[in-house]
Amino acid sequence: EVCAGNNAGNNTWCEMGTPAPTPALDGQCCFFGRNAKDVCGTCELYANASHFCAGSSSACIDDCSRTWCLNEPETPPPDPATLRNLYAQNKVYYVDPAFTAQVLETANATENASLRESLQELSTVPTAIWIE
């Protein structure tokens, strides 16, 4: 906002302009951390970006008596060329014999040759149980 006085009196006029960009902060103001020895690592409540304490490290520390936590540098994503697919390697995975027996029993009982062939192939597929 740009303001100037009127020479004829005390009136002031203002023009709205493009606000200056807000500089990126190097951290956040933590109001509460579970562990006093590691406030930043256990912070549960950061100051809202519009809160006075969030404006700078000095406002957080000096004026608000809180802890200023530095932002972690962004880690670049890994180079896809260096990644490897653990499931694409030649590994032997567990094939449950009970599952295999059930599928083969079903395959032998079916009259549909195409379905029987698919079930026989399925009987060799490794199995896993997902537990949450």
N, C-alpha and C. Protein backbone atom coordinates (compact mmCIF):
# COMPACT_ATOMS: atom_id res chain seq x y z
N GLU A 1 0.85 -1.17 0.00
CA GLU A 1 0.00 0.00 0.00
C GLU A 1 0.89 1.23 0.00
N VAL A 2 0.59 2.15 -0.87
CA VAL A 2 1.36 3.39 -0.96
C VAL A 2 0.45 4.52 -0.55
N CYS A 3 0.86 5.31 0.45
CA CYS A 3 0.02 6.39 0.94
C CYS A 3 0.77 7.71 0.85
N ALA A 4 0.02 8.79 0.63
CA ALA A 4 0.63 10.13 0.60
C ALA A 4 -0.36 11.13 1.17
N GLY A 5 0.14 12.15 1.78
CA GLY A 5 -0.74 13.17 2.36
C GLY A 5 -1.15 14.18 1.31
N ASN A 6 -2.23 14.90 1.60
CA ASN A 6 -2.73 15.95 0.73
C ASN A 6 -2.17 17.27 1.25
N ASN A 7 -1.51 18.04 0.37
CA ASN A 7 -0.90 19.29 0.81
C ASN A 7 -1.93 20.29 1.32
N ALA A 8 -3.16 20.19 0.86
CA ALA A 8 -4.17 21.15 1.25
C ALA A 8 -4.73 20.87 2.64
N GLY A 9 -4.55 19.67 3.14
CA GLY A 9 -5.13 19.35 4.44
C GLY A 9 -4.50 18.10 5.01
N ASN A 10 -5.21 17.49 5.89
CA ASN A 10 -4.71 16.28 6.55
C ASN A 10 -5.22 14.99 5.91
N ASN A 11 -5.86 15.10 4.77
CA ASN A 11 -6.39 13.91 4.11
C ASN A 11 -5.27 13.04 3.58
N THR A 12 -5.49 11.73 3.60
CA THR A 12 -4.51 10.78 3.10
C THR A 12 -5.17 9.90 2.06
N TRP A 13 -4.49 9.67 0.95
CA TRP A 13 -5.00 8.74 -0.05
C TRP A 13 -4.04 7.58 -0.18
N CYS A 14 -4.57 6.43 -0.54
CA CYS A 14 -3.74 5.23 -0.66
C CYS A 14 -4.07 4.52 -1.95
N GLU A 15 -3.04 3.97 -2.57
CA GLU A 15 -3.22 3.12 -3.74
C GLU A 15 -2.83 1.70 -3.34
N MET A 16 -3.63 0.78 -3.75
CA MET A 16 -3.31 -0.62 -3.49
C MET A 16 -2.35 -1.09 -4.57
N GLY A 17 -1.29 -1.69 -4.16
CA GLY A 17 -0.33 -2.22 -5.11
C GLY A 17 -0.09 -3.70 -4.84
N THR A 18 0.84 -4.27 -5.53
CA THR A 18 1.18 -5.66 -5.30
C THR A 18 2.00 -5.73 -4.02
N PRO A 19 1.54 -6.53 -3.04
CA PRO A 19 2.29 -6.61 -1.79
C PRO A 19 3.65 -7.26 -2.02
N ALA A 20 4.59 -6.84 -1.21
CA ALA A 20 5.92 -7.44 -1.29
C ALA A 20 5.82 -8.91 -0.92
N PRO A 21 6.57 -9.77 -1.60
CA PRO A 21 6.50 -11.19 -1.27
C PRO A 21 7.00 -11.43 0.15
N THR A 22 6.35 -12.35 0.83
CA THR A 22 6.77 -12.71 2.18
C THR A 22 7.98 -13.62 2.06
N PRO A 23 9.07 -13.26 2.74
CA PRO A 23 10.26 -14.12 2.64
C PRO A 23 9.99 -15.48 3.27
N ALA A 24 10.56 -16.50 2.69
CA ALA A 24 10.40 -17.86 3.23
C ALA A 24 11.11 -17.94 4.57
N LEU A 25 10.45 -18.54 5.53
CA LEU A 25 11.04 -18.69 6.86
C LEU A 25 11.90 -19.93 6.91
N ASP A 26 12.92 -19.87 7.76
CA ASP A 26 13.82 -21.01 7.89
C ASP A 26 13.35 -21.99 8.95
N GLY A 27 12.19 -21.74 9.53
CA GLY A 27 11.71 -22.63 10.57
C GLY A 27 10.29 -22.31 10.99
N GLN A 28 9.89 -22.90 12.11
CA GLN A 28 8.56 -22.72 12.66
C GLN A 28 8.66 -22.54 14.16
N CYS A 29 7.68 -21.86 14.73
CA CYS A 29 7.66 -21.64 16.17
C CYS A 29 6.82 -22.73 16.83
N CYS A 30 7.47 -23.49 17.70
CA CYS A 30 6.78 -24.59 18.38
C CYS A 30 6.27 -24.11 19.74
N PHE A 31 4.98 -24.26 19.95
CA PHE A 31 4.38 -23.90 21.24
C PHE A 31 4.52 -25.01 22.27
N PHE A 32 4.50 -26.26 21.79
CA PHE A 32 4.53 -27.38 22.75
C PHE A 32 5.16 -28.61 22.13
N GLY A 33 6.16 -29.15 22.81
CA GLY A 33 6.78 -30.41 22.41
C GLY A 33 6.65 -31.38 23.58
N ARG A 34 6.42 -32.64 23.31
CA ARG A 34 6.24 -33.65 24.36
C ARG A 34 7.50 -33.84 25.21
N ASN A 35 8.67 -33.64 24.60
CA ASN A 35 9.92 -33.88 25.30
C ASN A 35 10.69 -32.56 25.38
N ALA A 36 10.94 -32.07 26.59
CA ALA A 36 11.62 -30.79 26.78
C ALA A 36 13.05 -30.82 26.24
N LYS A 37 13.65 -32.00 26.17
CA LYS A 37 15.01 -32.10 25.64
C LYS A 37 15.04 -32.18 24.12
N ASP A 38 13.89 -32.43 23.51
CA ASP A 38 13.78 -32.52 22.05
C ASP A 38 12.45 -31.90 21.61
N VAL A 39 12.28 -30.61 21.89
CA VAL A 39 11.02 -29.93 21.60
C VAL A 39 10.67 -30.03 20.12
N CYS A 40 11.66 -29.74 19.25
CA CYS A 40 11.38 -29.75 17.81
C CYS A 40 11.04 -31.14 17.29
N GLY A 41 11.73 -32.14 17.80
CA GLY A 41 11.47 -33.51 17.36
C GLY A 41 10.15 -34.07 17.85
N THR A 42 9.59 -33.44 18.89
CA THR A 42 8.33 -33.94 19.47
C THR A 42 7.24 -32.87 19.46
N CYS A 43 7.43 -31.81 18.66
CA CYS A 43 6.47 -30.70 18.64
C CYS A 43 5.08 -31.18 18.22
N GLU A 44 4.10 -30.79 19.00
CA GLU A 44 2.71 -31.15 18.69
C GLU A 44 1.88 -29.94 18.29
N LEU A 45 2.41 -28.73 18.53
CA LEU A 45 1.63 -27.54 18.23
C LEU A 45 2.56 -26.43 17.74
N TYR A 46 2.50 -26.16 16.45
CA TYR A 46 3.26 -25.05 15.87
C TYR A 46 2.36 -23.83 15.79
N ALA A 47 2.97 -22.64 15.84
CA ALA A 47 2.21 -21.40 15.69
C ALA A 47 1.63 -21.36 14.29
N ASN A 48 0.38 -20.94 14.20
CA ASN A 48 -0.27 -20.74 12.90
C ASN A 48 0.52 -19.68 12.15
N ALA A 49 0.62 -19.80 10.83
CA ALA A 49 1.42 -18.89 10.02
C ALA A 49 1.05 -17.43 10.22
N SER A 50 -0.19 -17.13 10.55
CA SER A 50 -0.62 -15.74 10.74
C SER A 50 -0.37 -15.25 12.17
N HIS A 51 0.05 -16.12 13.06
CA HIS A 51 0.30 -15.74 14.45
C HIS A 51 1.60 -14.95 14.56
N PHE A 52 1.63 -13.98 15.43
CA PHE A 52 2.81 -13.13 15.62
C PHE A 52 4.07 -13.96 15.88
N CYS A 53 3.97 -14.99 16.69
CA CYS A 53 5.15 -15.79 17.07
C CYS A 53 5.75 -16.52 15.87
N ALA A 54 4.97 -16.74 14.84
CA ALA A 54 5.46 -17.47 13.67
C ALA A 54 6.22 -16.58 12.71
N GLY A 55 6.24 -15.29 12.96
CA GLY A 55 6.84 -14.34 12.02
C GLY A 55 8.35 -14.42 11.89
N SER A 56 9.05 -14.78 12.95
CA SER A 56 10.50 -14.85 12.90
C SER A 56 11.01 -15.62 14.11
N SER A 57 12.26 -16.02 14.04
CA SER A 57 12.85 -16.73 15.17
C SER A 57 12.92 -15.83 16.40
N SER A 58 13.24 -14.53 16.19
CA SER A 58 13.33 -13.64 17.35
C SER A 58 11.96 -13.41 17.99
N ALA A 59 10.91 -13.32 17.17
CA ALA A 59 9.57 -13.17 17.74
C ALA A 59 9.20 -14.41 18.54
N CYS A 60 9.51 -15.56 18.01
CA CYS A 60 9.19 -16.83 18.68
C CYS A 60 9.94 -16.96 20.00
N ILE A 61 11.26 -16.73 19.95
CA ILE A 61 12.11 -16.96 21.12
C ILE A 61 12.02 -15.81 22.12
N ASP A 62 12.26 -14.58 21.64
CA ASP A 62 12.35 -13.44 22.55
C ASP A 62 11.00 -12.95 23.04
N ASP A 63 10.04 -12.82 22.13
CA ASP A 63 8.75 -12.23 22.49
C ASP A 63 7.74 -13.25 23.01
N CYS A 64 7.82 -14.47 22.51
CA CYS A 64 6.82 -15.47 22.87
C CYS A 64 7.36 -16.55 23.82
N SER A 65 8.67 -16.53 24.05
CA SER A 65 9.31 -17.52 24.94
C SER A 65 9.00 -18.95 24.50
N ARG A 66 9.10 -19.19 23.22
CA ARG A 66 8.87 -20.52 22.66
C ARG A 66 10.12 -21.00 21.95
N THR A 67 10.04 -22.15 21.31
CA THR A 67 11.20 -22.76 20.65
C THR A 67 11.07 -22.61 19.14
N TRP A 68 12.13 -22.10 18.50
CA TRP A 68 12.17 -21.97 17.04
C TRP A 68 12.80 -23.24 16.48
N CYS A 69 12.08 -23.93 15.66
CA CYS A 69 12.54 -25.19 15.08
C CYS A 69 12.89 -24.96 13.61
N LEU A 70 14.13 -25.23 13.27
CA LEU A 70 14.57 -25.06 11.88
C LEU A 70 13.92 -26.09 10.99
N ASN A 71 13.57 -25.65 9.77
CA ASN A 71 13.01 -26.57 8.79
C ASN A 71 14.09 -27.53 8.33
N GLU A 72 13.71 -28.77 8.13
CA GLU A 72 14.64 -29.75 7.58
C GLU A 72 14.82 -29.46 6.10
N PRO A 73 16.04 -29.55 5.59
CA PRO A 73 16.21 -29.34 4.15
C PRO A 73 15.46 -30.41 3.37
N GLU A 74 14.89 -30.00 2.25
CA GLU A 74 14.14 -30.96 1.44
C GLU A 74 15.10 -31.96 0.83
N THR A 75 14.74 -33.21 0.96
CA THR A 75 15.54 -34.29 0.39
C THR A 75 15.06 -34.52 -1.04
N PRO A 76 15.96 -34.46 -2.01
CA PRO A 76 15.52 -34.70 -3.38
C PRO A 76 15.08 -36.15 -3.54
N PRO A 77 14.14 -36.39 -4.45
CA PRO A 77 13.71 -37.77 -4.67
C PRO A 77 14.87 -38.60 -5.20
N PRO A 78 14.87 -39.90 -4.91
CA PRO A 78 15.96 -40.74 -5.40
C PRO A 78 15.95 -40.84 -6.92
N ASP A 79 17.11 -41.05 -7.47
CA ASP A 79 17.25 -41.23 -8.91
C ASP A 79 16.68 -42.60 -9.28
N PRO A 80 15.66 -42.64 -10.15
CA PRO A 80 15.05 -43.93 -10.51
C PRO A 80 16.07 -44.95 -11.04
N ALA A 81 17.15 -44.47 -11.63
CA ALA A 81 18.15 -45.39 -12.17
C ALA A 81 18.87 -46.16 -11.06
N THR A 82 18.87 -45.59 -9.84
CA THR A 82 19.56 -46.26 -8.74
C THR A 82 18.64 -47.17 -7.93
N LEU A 83 17.34 -47.09 -8.19
CA LEU A 83 16.40 -47.93 -7.46
C LEU A 83 16.34 -49.32 -8.07
N ARG A 84 16.03 -50.28 -7.22
CA ARG A 84 15.88 -51.64 -7.75
C ARG A 84 14.57 -52.22 -7.23
N ASN A 85 13.95 -53.00 -8.04
CA ASN A 85 12.69 -53.63 -7.68
C ASN A 85 13.00 -54.96 -7.00
N LEU A 86 12.73 -55.02 -5.71
CA LEU A 86 13.03 -56.23 -4.95
C LEU A 86 12.19 -57.43 -5.40
N TYR A 87 11.04 -57.15 -6.00
CA TYR A 87 10.17 -58.24 -6.42
C TYR A 87 10.49 -58.74 -7.82
N ALA A 88 11.31 -58.00 -8.57
CA ALA A 88 11.64 -58.40 -9.93
C ALA A 88 12.87 -59.31 -9.97
N GLN A 89 13.53 -59.50 -8.85
CA GLN A 89 14.71 -60.35 -8.82
C GLN A 89 14.30 -61.82 -8.76
N ASN A 90 15.22 -62.68 -9.08
CA ASN A 90 14.96 -64.12 -9.03
C ASN A 90 15.02 -64.61 -7.59
N LYS A 91 13.90 -64.52 -6.92
CA LYS A 91 13.82 -64.99 -5.54
C LYS A 91 12.76 -66.09 -5.47
N VAL A 92 12.92 -66.92 -4.49
CA VAL A 92 11.95 -67.99 -4.27
C VAL A 92 11.01 -67.52 -3.16
N TYR A 93 9.73 -67.48 -3.46
CA TYR A 93 8.74 -67.05 -2.47
C TYR A 93 7.94 -68.26 -2.01
N TYR A 94 7.33 -68.11 -0.85
CA TYR A 94 6.60 -69.20 -0.21
C TYR A 94 5.33 -69.55 -0.99
N VAL A 95 5.19 -70.82 -1.30
CA VAL A 95 3.97 -71.35 -1.91
C VAL A 95 3.34 -72.27 -0.87
N ASP A 96 2.18 -71.88 -0.38
CA ASP A 96 1.49 -72.60 0.69
C ASP A 96 0.97 -73.95 0.17
N PRO A 97 1.47 -75.06 0.73
CA PRO A 97 1.04 -76.37 0.23
C PRO A 97 -0.46 -76.63 0.44
N ALA A 98 -1.04 -76.09 1.50
CA ALA A 98 -2.47 -76.28 1.73
C ALA A 98 -3.28 -75.55 0.66
N PHE A 99 -2.86 -74.32 0.31
CA PHE A 99 -3.52 -73.57 -0.75
C PHE A 99 -3.39 -74.31 -2.08
N THR A 100 -2.18 -74.80 -2.36
CA THR A 100 -1.93 -75.53 -3.60
C THR A 100 -2.85 -76.76 -3.70
N ALA A 101 -2.97 -77.48 -2.60
CA ALA A 101 -3.82 -78.68 -2.59
C ALA A 101 -5.28 -78.33 -2.85
N GLN A 102 -5.77 -77.26 -2.23
CA GLN A 102 -7.17 -76.86 -2.43
C GLN A 102 -7.42 -76.46 -3.88
N VAL A 103 -6.50 -75.69 -4.46
CA VAL A 103 -6.68 -75.23 -5.83
C VAL A 103 -6.61 -76.42 -6.80
N LEU A 104 -5.67 -77.33 -6.57
CA LEU A 104 -5.57 -78.50 -7.45
C LEU A 104 -6.79 -79.40 -7.33
N GLU A 105 -7.34 -79.52 -6.13
CA GLU A 105 -8.56 -80.31 -5.93
C GLU A 105 -9.71 -79.72 -6.73
N THR A 106 -9.82 -78.37 -6.70
CA THR A 106 -10.86 -77.69 -7.47
C THR A 106 -10.59 -77.85 -8.97
N ALA A 107 -9.33 -77.75 -9.37
CA ALA A 107 -8.97 -77.88 -10.79
C ALA A 107 -9.34 -79.27 -11.30
N ASN A 108 -9.05 -80.30 -10.50
CA ASN A 108 -9.34 -81.68 -10.93
C ASN A 108 -10.83 -81.96 -10.98
N ALA A 109 -11.63 -81.20 -10.23
CA ALA A 109 -13.07 -81.43 -10.20
C ALA A 109 -13.80 -80.70 -11.32
N THR A 110 -13.15 -79.76 -11.98
CA THR A 110 -13.84 -79.00 -13.02
C THR A 110 -13.75 -79.70 -14.37
N GLU A 111 -14.79 -79.52 -15.17
CA GLU A 111 -14.82 -80.12 -16.49
C GLU A 111 -14.31 -79.15 -17.55
N ASN A 112 -14.24 -77.88 -17.22
CA ASN A 112 -13.80 -76.85 -18.17
C ASN A 112 -12.27 -76.89 -18.27
N ALA A 113 -11.76 -77.28 -19.43
CA ALA A 113 -10.32 -77.45 -19.62
C ALA A 113 -9.55 -76.14 -19.44
N SER A 114 -10.11 -75.04 -19.93
CA SER A 114 -9.45 -73.74 -19.81
C SER A 114 -9.36 -73.31 -18.34
N LEU A 115 -10.45 -73.49 -17.61
CA LEU A 115 -10.47 -73.15 -16.19
C LEU A 115 -9.51 -74.06 -15.41
N ARG A 116 -9.49 -75.35 -15.76
CA ARG A 116 -8.59 -76.30 -15.10
C ARG A 116 -7.13 -75.87 -15.28
N GLU A 117 -6.77 -75.45 -16.50
CA GLU A 117 -5.41 -75.02 -16.78
C GLU A 117 -5.06 -73.75 -15.97
N SER A 118 -6.00 -72.82 -15.90
CA SER A 118 -5.78 -71.59 -15.13
C SER A 118 -5.60 -71.91 -13.65
N LEU A 119 -6.41 -72.82 -13.13
CA LEU A 119 -6.31 -73.19 -11.71
C LEU A 119 -4.99 -73.90 -11.43
N GLN A 120 -4.56 -74.75 -12.35
CA GLN A 120 -3.27 -75.43 -12.16
C GLN A 120 -2.12 -74.41 -12.12
N GLU A 121 -2.20 -73.40 -12.96
CA GLU A 121 -1.19 -72.35 -12.94
C GLU A 121 -1.27 -71.55 -11.63
N LEU A 122 -2.49 -71.28 -11.18
CA LEU A 122 -2.71 -70.55 -9.93
C LEU A 122 -2.14 -71.32 -8.74
N SER A 123 -2.16 -72.60 -8.79
CA SER A 123 -1.69 -73.40 -7.65
C SER A 123 -0.20 -73.21 -7.36
N THR A 124 0.54 -72.65 -8.30
CA THR A 124 1.98 -72.43 -8.10
C THR A 124 2.32 -71.00 -7.68
N VAL A 125 1.30 -70.17 -7.54
CA VAL A 125 1.51 -68.76 -7.19
C VAL A 125 1.83 -68.64 -5.70
N PRO A 126 2.89 -67.89 -5.36
CA PRO A 126 3.21 -67.66 -3.94
C PRO A 126 2.06 -66.92 -3.26
N THR A 127 1.88 -67.18 -1.99
CA THR A 127 0.81 -66.54 -1.24
C THR A 127 1.39 -65.77 -0.06
N ALA A 128 0.61 -64.83 0.43
CA ALA A 128 1.01 -64.04 1.59
C ALA A 128 -0.23 -63.65 2.37
N ILE A 129 -0.03 -63.35 3.61
CA ILE A 129 -1.12 -62.88 4.46
C ILE A 129 -0.78 -61.48 4.92
N TRP A 130 -1.70 -60.56 4.75
CA TRP A 130 -1.51 -59.17 5.17
C TRP A 130 -2.18 -59.00 6.54
N ILE A 131 -1.40 -58.65 7.52
CA ILE A 131 -1.93 -58.47 8.87
C ILE A 131 -1.79 -57.01 9.26
N GLU A 132 -2.89 -56.42 9.68
CA GLU A 132 -2.84 -55.03 10.14
C GLU A 132 -3.18 -54.96 11.60
